[in-house]
Structure formats: C-alpha cells, structure tokens
C-alpha cells in the first residue's frame, strides 16, 4: 500500500501472511502413522512514513513486526499407548 498525503508526506505499508501444513515422509519405508506433520505460519508487517520539507532535507520513520510459528508433530496423534502410562 502506498499513499501520498501531499507534496511532503508519504505513507507506505505491507502485510504478509503465510500458512502451510505438510506431511513429511522421512523415509519411504515408514508406515503412515510414523510420518511427521509440519505446520508453519509466518506473518510480517511493515510501515514507512517519509516527510520531505525541502529538496535538501528528508526524514523517515520505519517500523516492522515479524512472527513465525513452527510446529513439528507426529502425523498420527490418535495412537493409543499399549500400556497404561497414566496419560
């Protein structure tokens, strides 16, 4: 997003969101219940303000935020334990 307020001020910003889940096959010989599920989510936000009162003077303010989550789990979460572990 770009927005020019006037001759001397400009605003710009961007936002990114990524979300993905994959099932990793570590080895072809593995049974499906032993595969790995990988879930990742990324977000990024950036903003920029520029003020140029004259051709020889410019001020800028920039900021941003990034958040990344990665979850690695067994593919089969419903597998019951064969012994009573108290869980």
C-alpha atoms as a PDB file:
ATOM      1  CA  UNK A   1       0.000   0.000   0.000  1.00  0.00           C
ATOM      2  CA  UNK A   2       1.342   3.447  -0.933  1.00  0.00           C
ATOM      3  CA  UNK A   3      -0.391   6.707  -0.091  1.00  0.00           C
ATOM      4  CA  UNK A   4       0.866  10.236  -0.766  1.00  0.00           C
ATOM      5  CA  UNK A   5      -0.747  12.622   1.710  1.00  0.00           C
ATOM      6  CA  UNK A   6       0.627  15.694  -0.020  1.00  0.00           C
ATOM      7  CA  UNK A   7       3.764  17.043  -1.649  1.00  0.00           C
ATOM      8  CA  UNK A   8       5.855  16.485   1.501  1.00  0.00           C
ATOM      9  CA  UNK A   9       4.399  13.348   3.160  1.00  0.00           C
ATOM     10  CA  UNK A  10       4.150   9.736   2.024  1.00  0.00           C
ATOM     11  CA  UNK A  11       2.964   6.586   3.788  1.00  0.00           C
ATOM     12  CA  UNK A  12       3.575   3.007   2.744  1.00  0.00           C
ATOM     13  CA  UNK A  13       2.979  -0.361   4.302  1.00  0.00           C
ATOM     14  CA  UNK A  14       2.852  -4.060   3.615  1.00  0.00           C
ATOM     15  CA  UNK A  15       1.477  -7.212   5.228  1.00  0.00           C
ATOM     16  CA  UNK A  16       2.357 -10.834   4.507  1.00  0.00           C
ATOM     17  CA  UNK A  17       0.652 -13.959   5.820  1.00  0.00           C
ATOM     18  CA  UNK A  18       1.789 -17.484   5.041  1.00  0.00           C
ATOM     19  CA  UNK A  19       0.255 -20.700   6.348  1.00  0.00           C
ATOM     20  CA  UNK A  20       1.327 -24.219   5.380  1.00  0.00           C
ATOM     21  CA  UNK A  21       0.953 -27.781   6.614  1.00  0.00           C
ATOM     22  CA  UNK A  22       2.938 -30.624   5.087  1.00  0.00           C
ATOM     23  CA  UNK A  23       3.275 -34.313   5.852  1.00  0.00           C
ATOM     24  CA  UNK A  24       6.925 -35.243   5.784  1.00  0.00           C
ATOM     25  CA  UNK A  25       7.928 -38.665   4.580  1.00  0.00           C
ATOM     26  CA  UNK A  26      11.300 -39.080   6.237  1.00  0.00           C
ATOM     27  CA  UNK A  27      11.799 -42.484   4.583  1.00  0.00           C
ATOM     28  CA  UNK A  28       9.646 -44.249   2.005  1.00  0.00           C
ATOM     29  CA  UNK A  29       9.649 -47.395   4.156  1.00  0.00           C
ATOM     30  CA  UNK A  30       7.828 -45.711   7.061  1.00  0.00           C
ATOM     31  CA  UNK A  31       4.248 -46.606   7.849  1.00  0.00           C
ATOM     32  CA  UNK A  32       1.825 -43.648   7.614  1.00  0.00           C
ATOM     33  CA  UNK A  33       1.416 -43.419  11.408  1.00  0.00           C
ATOM     34  CA  UNK A  34       5.143 -42.724  11.779  1.00  0.00           C
ATOM     35  CA  UNK A  35       5.282 -39.783   9.381  1.00  0.00           C
ATOM     36  CA  UNK A  36       5.847 -36.234  10.580  1.00  0.00           C
ATOM     37  CA  UNK A  37       3.379 -33.344  10.306  1.00  0.00           C
ATOM     38  CA  UNK A  38       4.982 -29.895   9.999  1.00  0.00           C
ATOM     39  CA  UNK A  39       2.838 -26.786  10.352  1.00  0.00           C
ATOM     40  CA  UNK A  40       4.319 -23.326   9.820  1.00  0.00           C
ATOM     41  CA  UNK A  41       2.750 -19.877   9.947  1.00  0.00           C
ATOM     42  CA  UNK A  42       4.547 -16.629   9.170  1.00  0.00           C
ATOM     43  CA  UNK A  43       3.324 -13.046   9.433  1.00  0.00           C
ATOM     44  CA  UNK A  44       5.175  -9.846   8.623  1.00  0.00           C
ATOM     45  CA  UNK A  45       4.007  -6.237   8.895  1.00  0.00           C
ATOM     46  CA  UNK A  46       5.992  -3.185   7.773  1.00  0.00           C
ATOM     47  CA  UNK A  47       5.203   0.542   7.749  1.00  0.00           C
ATOM     48  CA  UNK A  48       7.075   3.590   6.443  1.00  0.00           C
ATOM     49  CA  UNK A  49       6.452   7.339   6.705  1.00  0.00           C
ATOM     50  CA  UNK A  50       8.561   9.883   4.810  1.00  0.00           C
ATOM     51  CA  UNK A  51       8.494  13.645   5.316  1.00  0.00           C
ATOM     52  CA  UNK A  52      10.490  15.846   2.932  1.00  0.00           C
ATOM     53  CA  UNK A  53      10.055  19.515   3.829  1.00  0.00           C
ATOM     54  CA  UNK A  54      12.598  20.577   1.182  1.00  0.00           C
ATOM     55  CA  UNK A  55      14.804  19.102  -1.525  1.00  0.00           C
ATOM     56  CA  UNK A  56      17.797  19.043   0.862  1.00  0.00           C
ATOM     57  CA  UNK A  57      16.078  17.668   3.971  1.00  0.00           C
ATOM     58  CA  UNK A  58      14.289  14.333   4.423  1.00  0.00           C
ATOM     59  CA  UNK A  59      13.024  12.471   7.482  1.00  0.00           C
ATOM     60  CA  UNK A  60      11.925   8.845   7.615  1.00  0.00           C
ATOM     61  CA  UNK A  61      10.275   6.639  10.166  1.00  0.00           C
ATOM     62  CA  UNK A  62      10.245   2.875   9.589  1.00  0.00           C
ATOM     63  CA  UNK A  63       8.885   0.034  11.662  1.00  0.00           C
ATOM     64  CA  UNK A  64       8.063  -3.609  11.355  1.00  0.00           C
ATOM     65  CA  UNK A  65       6.911  -6.741  13.106  1.00  0.00           C
ATOM     66  CA  UNK A  66       7.545 -10.394  12.282  1.00  0.00           C
ATOM     67  CA  UNK A  67       6.032 -13.503  13.869  1.00  0.00           C
ATOM     68  CA  UNK A  68       6.896 -17.092  12.931  1.00  0.00           C
ATOM     69  CA  UNK A  69       5.479 -20.306  14.393  1.00  0.00           C
ATOM     70  CA  UNK A  70       6.749 -23.791  13.587  1.00  0.00           C
ATOM     71  CA  UNK A  71       5.089 -26.934  14.920  1.00  0.00           C
ATOM     72  CA  UNK A  72       6.507 -30.419  14.318  1.00  0.00           C
ATOM     73  CA  UNK A  73       4.215 -33.249  15.449  1.00  0.00           C
ATOM     74  CA  UNK A  74       3.711 -36.941  14.771  1.00  0.00           C
ATOM     75  CA  UNK A  75       1.247 -37.471  11.933  1.00  0.00           C
ATOM     76  CA  UNK A  76      -0.959 -39.859  13.929  1.00  0.00           C
ATOM     77  CA  UNK A  77      -1.877 -38.108  17.180  1.00  0.00           C
ATOM     78  CA  UNK A  78      -4.667 -40.579  17.997  1.00  0.00           C
ATOM     79  CA  UNK A  79      -2.356 -43.541  18.592  1.00  0.00           C
ATOM     80  CA  UNK A  80      -3.128 -45.076  21.970  1.00  0.00           C
ATOM     81  CA  UNK A  81      -0.370 -46.269  24.253  1.00  0.00           C
ATOM     82  CA  UNK A  82      -0.167 -50.052  24.555  1.00  0.00           C
ATOM     83  CA  UNK A  83       0.408 -49.816  28.310  1.00  0.00           C
ATOM     84  CA  UNK A  84      -1.260 -47.693  30.969  1.00  0.00           C
ATOM     85  CA  UNK A  85       1.111 -44.748  31.413  1.00  0.00           C
ATOM     86  CA  UNK A  86      -1.334 -42.538  33.306  1.00  0.00           C
ATOM     87  CA  UNK A  87      -1.566 -40.063  30.437  1.00  0.00           C
END
